[in-house]
Amino acid sequence: QVQLLESGGGLVQSWGSLRLSCEVSGSDSRPNVVGWFRQAPGGGRDLVAHITTSGGTNYADSVKGRFTISRDGAKNTVLLQMNSLKPEDTAVYYCNLQQFGTHYWGKGTLVTVSS
């Protein structure tokens, strides 16, 4: 059973930085895509960034140049480094693992950016 555990959220001022971590357990060695999504109050759940098993990445336009997603294979962890944070980045951030059409979700971590 795949389980995802997010950590690293919190309160930060505008232009500050946070690093989110997603610890993946129970997955096998088959190819997968791990992504970070976010959901602001009253909004939908939108893709922020994802990374494939081979290291390919994709970012939402709104975070390009500010956020970086990476994998730490030894620790089975996916990181999201968030720099130059803006109030509009405030949301609950969810880790997602997709493998052969099956999606797994973490419970989310709250990021609040004050102006």
N, C-alpha and C. Protein backbone atom coordinates (compact mmCIF):
# COMPACT_ATOMS: atom_id res chain seq x y z
N GLN A 1 0.84 -1.18 0.00
CA GLN A 1 0.00 0.00 0.00
C GLN A 1 0.88 1.25 0.00
N VAL A 2 0.72 2.07 -1.03
CA VAL A 2 1.51 3.29 -1.14
C VAL A 2 1.00 4.32 -0.14
N GLN A 3 1.92 4.93 0.57
CA GLN A 3 1.57 6.00 1.50
C GLN A 3 2.48 7.19 1.25
N LEU A 4 1.90 8.38 1.34
CA LEU A 4 2.64 9.62 1.12
C LEU A 4 2.49 10.49 2.36
N LEU A 5 3.60 10.99 2.84
CA LEU A 5 3.58 11.82 4.05
C LEU A 5 4.28 13.14 3.75
N GLU A 6 3.49 14.22 3.77
CA GLU A 6 4.04 15.54 3.51
C GLU A 6 4.50 16.21 4.81
N SER A 7 5.49 17.07 4.68
CA SER A 7 5.94 17.88 5.80
C SER A 7 6.60 19.14 5.26
N GLY A 8 6.79 20.11 6.13
CA GLY A 8 7.52 21.32 5.75
C GLY A 8 6.68 22.56 5.56
N GLY A 9 5.38 22.45 5.67
CA GLY A 9 4.54 23.63 5.52
C GLY A 9 4.67 24.55 6.72
N GLY A 10 4.07 25.73 6.60
CA GLY A 10 4.11 26.68 7.70
C GLY A 10 3.77 28.07 7.25
N LEU A 11 4.07 29.03 8.11
CA LEU A 11 3.82 30.44 7.84
C LEU A 11 5.13 31.12 7.47
N VAL A 12 5.10 31.88 6.38
CA VAL A 12 6.30 32.58 5.93
C VAL A 12 5.88 33.92 5.36
N GLN A 13 6.78 34.89 5.41
CA GLN A 13 6.49 36.20 4.84
C GLN A 13 6.74 36.20 3.34
N SER A 14 6.15 37.17 2.67
CA SER A 14 6.38 37.31 1.22
C SER A 14 7.88 37.36 0.93
N TRP A 15 8.25 36.74 -0.20
CA TRP A 15 9.64 36.62 -0.66
C TRP A 15 10.46 35.64 0.16
N GLY A 16 9.83 34.97 1.15
CA GLY A 16 10.54 33.97 1.90
C GLY A 16 10.58 32.63 1.18
N SER A 17 11.15 31.63 1.85
CA SER A 17 11.32 30.30 1.26
C SER A 17 10.83 29.22 2.22
N LEU A 18 10.37 28.13 1.63
CA LEU A 18 10.02 26.92 2.37
C LEU A 18 10.42 25.73 1.52
N ARG A 19 10.67 24.61 2.18
CA ARG A 19 10.94 23.37 1.46
C ARG A 19 9.97 22.31 1.95
N LEU A 20 9.19 21.81 1.05
CA LEU A 20 8.24 20.74 1.36
C LEU A 20 8.88 19.39 1.04
N SER A 21 8.53 18.42 1.85
CA SER A 21 9.05 17.07 1.66
C SER A 21 7.90 16.07 1.58
N CYS A 22 8.01 15.14 0.67
CA CYS A 22 7.02 14.07 0.54
C CYS A 22 7.75 12.74 0.68
N GLU A 23 7.49 12.06 1.77
CA GLU A 23 8.10 10.75 1.98
C GLU A 23 7.20 9.66 1.41
N VAL A 24 7.74 8.88 0.51
CA VAL A 24 6.98 7.84 -0.18
C VAL A 24 7.33 6.48 0.41
N SER A 25 6.32 5.73 0.80
CA SER A 25 6.54 4.37 1.30
C SER A 25 5.58 3.42 0.61
N GLY A 26 6.00 2.17 0.50
CA GLY A 26 5.13 1.14 -0.05
C GLY A 26 5.11 1.06 -1.57
N SER A 27 5.91 1.90 -2.25
CA SER A 27 5.91 1.84 -3.71
C SER A 27 6.94 0.82 -4.18
N ASP A 28 6.78 0.38 -5.44
CA ASP A 28 7.76 -0.55 -5.98
C ASP A 28 8.67 0.20 -6.94
N SER A 29 9.46 -0.53 -7.71
CA SER A 29 10.47 0.12 -8.56
C SER A 29 9.95 0.46 -9.95
N ARG A 30 8.69 0.23 -10.21
CA ARG A 30 8.16 0.54 -11.54
C ARG A 30 8.07 2.05 -11.72
N PRO A 31 8.09 2.51 -12.97
CA PRO A 31 8.06 3.95 -13.22
C PRO A 31 6.83 4.63 -12.61
N ASN A 32 7.03 5.82 -12.12
CA ASN A 32 5.92 6.59 -11.58
C ASN A 32 6.18 8.07 -11.76
N VAL A 33 5.18 8.85 -11.47
CA VAL A 33 5.31 10.31 -11.49
C VAL A 33 4.85 10.81 -10.14
N VAL A 34 5.68 11.61 -9.50
CA VAL A 34 5.31 12.20 -8.22
C VAL A 34 5.15 13.70 -8.43
N GLY A 35 4.05 14.21 -7.95
CA GLY A 35 3.76 15.63 -8.14
C GLY A 35 3.29 16.30 -6.88
N TRP A 36 3.40 17.61 -6.91
CA TRP A 36 2.82 18.45 -5.87
C TRP A 36 1.66 19.21 -6.48
N PHE A 37 0.54 19.17 -5.79
CA PHE A 37 -0.65 19.93 -6.16
C PHE A 37 -0.97 20.88 -5.02
N ARG A 38 -1.76 21.90 -5.30
CA ARG A 38 -2.18 22.80 -4.23
C ARG A 38 -3.63 23.20 -4.42
N GLN A 39 -4.24 23.47 -3.28
CA GLN A 39 -5.64 23.88 -3.28
C GLN A 39 -5.80 25.07 -2.35
N ALA A 40 -6.12 26.22 -2.94
CA ALA A 40 -6.37 27.42 -2.17
C ALA A 40 -7.81 27.42 -1.69
N PRO A 41 -8.12 28.20 -0.65
CA PRO A 41 -9.50 28.25 -0.15
C PRO A 41 -10.48 28.60 -1.26
N GLY A 42 -11.50 27.78 -1.42
CA GLY A 42 -12.52 28.02 -2.43
C GLY A 42 -12.12 27.65 -3.84
N GLY A 43 -10.92 27.11 -4.00
CA GLY A 43 -10.44 26.78 -5.34
C GLY A 43 -10.32 25.29 -5.56
N GLY A 44 -9.92 24.94 -6.77
CA GLY A 44 -9.70 23.54 -7.10
C GLY A 44 -8.27 23.11 -6.78
N ARG A 45 -7.99 21.84 -7.01
CA ARG A 45 -6.67 21.29 -6.75
C ARG A 45 -5.87 21.35 -8.05
N ASP A 46 -4.83 22.13 -8.06
CA ASP A 46 -4.07 22.39 -9.28
C ASP A 46 -2.65 21.86 -9.18
N LEU A 47 -2.13 21.41 -10.32
CA LEU A 47 -0.75 20.92 -10.37
C LEU A 47 0.22 22.08 -10.16
N VAL A 48 1.21 21.85 -9.30
CA VAL A 48 2.30 22.81 -9.10
C VAL A 48 3.53 22.36 -9.88
N ALA A 49 3.91 21.10 -9.68
CA ALA A 49 5.08 20.55 -10.36
C ALA A 49 5.04 19.04 -10.25
N HIS A 50 5.67 18.36 -11.22
CA HIS A 50 5.82 16.93 -11.07
C HIS A 50 7.18 16.49 -11.59
N ILE A 51 7.57 15.29 -11.18
CA ILE A 51 8.86 14.73 -11.57
C ILE A 51 8.68 13.25 -11.85
N THR A 52 9.27 12.80 -12.94
CA THR A 52 9.17 11.40 -13.30
C THR A 52 10.30 10.59 -12.65
N THR A 53 10.21 9.28 -12.80
CA THR A 53 11.23 8.41 -12.25
C THR A 53 12.60 8.71 -12.86
N SER A 54 12.60 9.10 -14.13
CA SER A 54 13.86 9.38 -14.82
C SER A 54 14.35 10.80 -14.60
N GLY A 55 13.58 11.60 -13.84
CA GLY A 55 14.03 12.94 -13.50
C GLY A 55 13.45 14.06 -14.32
N GLY A 56 12.59 13.75 -15.27
CA GLY A 56 11.94 14.80 -16.04
C GLY A 56 10.98 15.60 -15.18
N THR A 57 10.94 16.90 -15.40
CA THR A 57 10.12 17.77 -14.56
C THR A 57 9.17 18.61 -15.39
N ASN A 58 8.13 19.07 -14.73
CA ASN A 58 7.16 19.97 -15.35
C ASN A 58 6.63 20.89 -14.26
N TYR A 59 6.43 22.18 -14.62
CA TYR A 59 6.00 23.17 -13.64
C TYR A 59 4.82 23.97 -14.16
N ALA A 60 3.97 24.38 -13.24
CA ALA A 60 2.94 25.35 -13.59
C ALA A 60 3.61 26.68 -13.92
N ASP A 61 3.04 27.41 -14.85
CA ASP A 61 3.64 28.69 -15.26
C ASP A 61 3.81 29.64 -14.08
N SER A 62 2.89 29.57 -13.14
CA SER A 62 2.91 30.51 -12.02
C SER A 62 4.07 30.30 -11.05
N VAL A 63 4.74 29.14 -11.15
CA VAL A 63 5.84 28.87 -10.20
C VAL A 63 7.17 28.70 -10.90
N LYS A 64 7.20 28.73 -12.21
CA LYS A 64 8.45 28.56 -12.95
C LYS A 64 9.47 29.61 -12.52
N GLY A 65 10.68 29.17 -12.27
CA GLY A 65 11.74 30.08 -11.85
C GLY A 65 11.77 30.32 -10.35
N ARG A 66 10.74 29.90 -9.64
CA ARG A 66 10.69 30.09 -8.18
C ARG A 66 10.72 28.77 -7.42
N PHE A 67 10.07 27.75 -7.97
CA PHE A 67 9.98 26.45 -7.30
C PHE A 67 10.85 25.43 -8.03
N THR A 68 11.40 24.50 -7.27
CA THR A 68 12.19 23.41 -7.85
C THR A 68 11.78 22.10 -7.20
N ILE A 69 11.46 21.12 -8.05
CA ILE A 69 11.11 19.79 -7.55
C ILE A 69 12.29 18.86 -7.79
N SER A 70 12.52 17.96 -6.84
CA SER A 70 13.64 17.03 -6.97
C SER A 70 13.33 15.74 -6.23
N ARG A 71 14.09 14.70 -6.58
CA ARG A 71 13.93 13.41 -5.90
C ARG A 71 15.21 13.08 -5.14
N ASP A 72 15.04 12.51 -3.97
CA ASP A 72 16.15 11.93 -3.23
C ASP A 72 15.89 10.44 -3.18
N GLY A 73 16.48 9.72 -4.15
CA GLY A 73 16.19 8.30 -4.28
C GLY A 73 16.56 7.49 -3.06
N ALA A 74 17.67 7.84 -2.46
CA ALA A 74 18.14 7.08 -1.30
C ALA A 74 17.14 7.15 -0.15
N LYS A 75 16.45 8.30 -0.04
CA LYS A 75 15.50 8.49 1.05
C LYS A 75 14.07 8.30 0.59
N ASN A 76 13.87 7.97 -0.70
CA ASN A 76 12.52 7.81 -1.24
C ASN A 76 11.67 9.05 -0.93
N THR A 77 12.23 10.19 -1.21
CA THR A 77 11.59 11.46 -0.87
C THR A 77 11.58 12.37 -2.07
N VAL A 78 10.50 13.12 -2.22
CA VAL A 78 10.41 14.14 -3.25
C VAL A 78 10.31 15.50 -2.56
N LEU A 79 11.16 16.40 -2.97
CA LEU A 79 11.23 17.72 -2.35
C LEU A 79 10.67 18.79 -3.27
N LEU A 80 10.10 19.81 -2.65
CA LEU A 80 9.67 20.99 -3.41
C LEU A 80 10.27 22.21 -2.72
N GLN A 81 11.30 22.77 -3.33
CA GLN A 81 11.91 23.98 -2.82
C GLN A 81 11.15 25.18 -3.37
N MET A 82 10.63 26.00 -2.47
CA MET A 82 9.81 27.14 -2.88
C MET A 82 10.49 28.43 -2.44
N ASN A 83 10.87 29.23 -3.41
CA ASN A 83 11.53 30.51 -3.14
C ASN A 83 10.66 31.66 -3.63
N SER A 84 10.97 32.85 -3.15
CA SER A 84 10.25 34.07 -3.55
C SER A 84 8.74 33.88 -3.42
N LEU A 85 8.33 33.37 -2.29
CA LEU A 85 6.91 33.06 -2.11
C LEU A 85 6.06 34.32 -2.10
N LYS A 86 4.84 34.17 -2.62
CA LYS A 86 3.88 35.26 -2.73
C LYS A 86 2.61 34.88 -1.97
N PRO A 87 1.84 35.87 -1.55
CA PRO A 87 0.58 35.55 -0.86
C PRO A 87 -0.32 34.62 -1.67
N GLU A 88 -0.28 34.72 -2.99
CA GLU A 88 -1.13 33.85 -3.82
C GLU A 88 -0.65 32.40 -3.85
N ASP A 89 0.51 32.12 -3.24
CA ASP A 89 0.96 30.73 -3.10
C ASP A 89 0.33 30.06 -1.88
N THR A 90 -0.41 30.82 -1.09
CA THR A 90 -1.07 30.25 0.09
C THR A 90 -2.06 29.18 -0.33
N ALA A 91 -1.91 27.99 0.24
CA ALA A 91 -2.76 26.85 -0.12
C ALA A 91 -2.37 25.65 0.73
N VAL A 92 -3.19 24.62 0.65
CA VAL A 92 -2.79 23.31 1.16
C VAL A 92 -2.09 22.59 0.00
N TYR A 93 -0.90 22.12 0.27
CA TYR A 93 -0.09 21.44 -0.74
C TYR A 93 -0.18 19.93 -0.52
N TYR A 94 -0.50 19.23 -1.60
CA TYR A 94 -0.68 17.77 -1.55
C TYR A 94 0.37 17.08 -2.42
N CYS A 95 0.89 15.99 -1.91
CA CYS A 95 1.77 15.14 -2.69
C CYS A 95 0.92 14.07 -3.38
N ASN A 96 1.28 13.78 -4.61
CA ASN A 96 0.53 12.80 -5.41
C ASN A 96 1.51 11.87 -6.10
N LEU A 97 1.19 10.59 -6.09
CA LEU A 97 1.97 9.61 -6.86
C LEU A 97 1.04 8.95 -7.85
N GLN A 98 1.44 8.96 -9.10
CA GLN A 98 0.66 8.33 -10.16
C GLN A 98 1.47 7.20 -10.76
N GLN A 99 0.84 6.03 -10.84
CA GLN A 99 1.52 4.86 -11.40
C GLN A 99 0.50 4.03 -12.17
N PHE A 100 0.68 3.93 -13.47
CA PHE A 100 -0.19 3.16 -14.35
C PHE A 100 -1.66 3.50 -14.12
N GLY A 101 -1.95 4.78 -14.05
CA GLY A 101 -3.33 5.23 -13.95
C GLY A 101 -3.90 5.27 -12.55
N THR A 102 -3.18 4.79 -11.57
CA THR A 102 -3.65 4.84 -10.19
C THR A 102 -3.01 6.04 -9.48
N HIS A 103 -3.83 6.79 -8.76
CA HIS A 103 -3.35 7.96 -8.04
C HIS A 103 -3.39 7.71 -6.54
N TYR A 104 -2.35 8.15 -5.87
CA TYR A 104 -2.29 8.10 -4.42
C TYR A 104 -2.05 9.53 -3.92
N TRP A 105 -2.67 9.86 -2.79
CA TRP A 105 -2.58 11.22 -2.27
C TRP A 105 -2.14 11.23 -0.81
N GLY A 106 -1.37 12.24 -0.46
CA GLY A 106 -1.10 12.50 0.94
C GLY A 106 -2.22 13.33 1.53
N LYS A 107 -2.09 13.65 2.83
CA LYS A 107 -3.14 14.40 3.50
C LYS A 107 -2.97 15.90 3.38
N GLY A 108 -1.81 16.33 2.91
CA GLY A 108 -1.59 17.75 2.66
C GLY A 108 -0.86 18.45 3.79
N THR A 109 -0.22 19.57 3.42
CA THR A 109 0.45 20.42 4.39
C THR A 109 0.13 21.87 4.01
N LEU A 110 -0.18 22.68 5.03
CA LEU A 110 -0.63 24.04 4.78
C LEU A 110 0.56 24.99 4.66
N VAL A 111 0.53 25.78 3.61
CA VAL A 111 1.51 26.85 3.41
C VAL A 111 0.76 28.18 3.43
N THR A 112 1.18 29.08 4.30
CA THR A 112 0.56 30.39 4.40
C THR A 112 1.63 31.45 4.19
N VAL A 113 1.41 32.31 3.21
CA VAL A 113 2.37 33.38 2.90
C VAL A 113 1.72 34.71 3.26
N SER A 114 2.31 35.42 4.19
CA SER A 114 1.75 36.71 4.61
C SER A 114 2.36 37.84 3.79
N SER A 115 1.56 38.87 3.58
CA SER A 115 2.03 40.01 2.78
C SER A 115 2.74 41.04 3.64
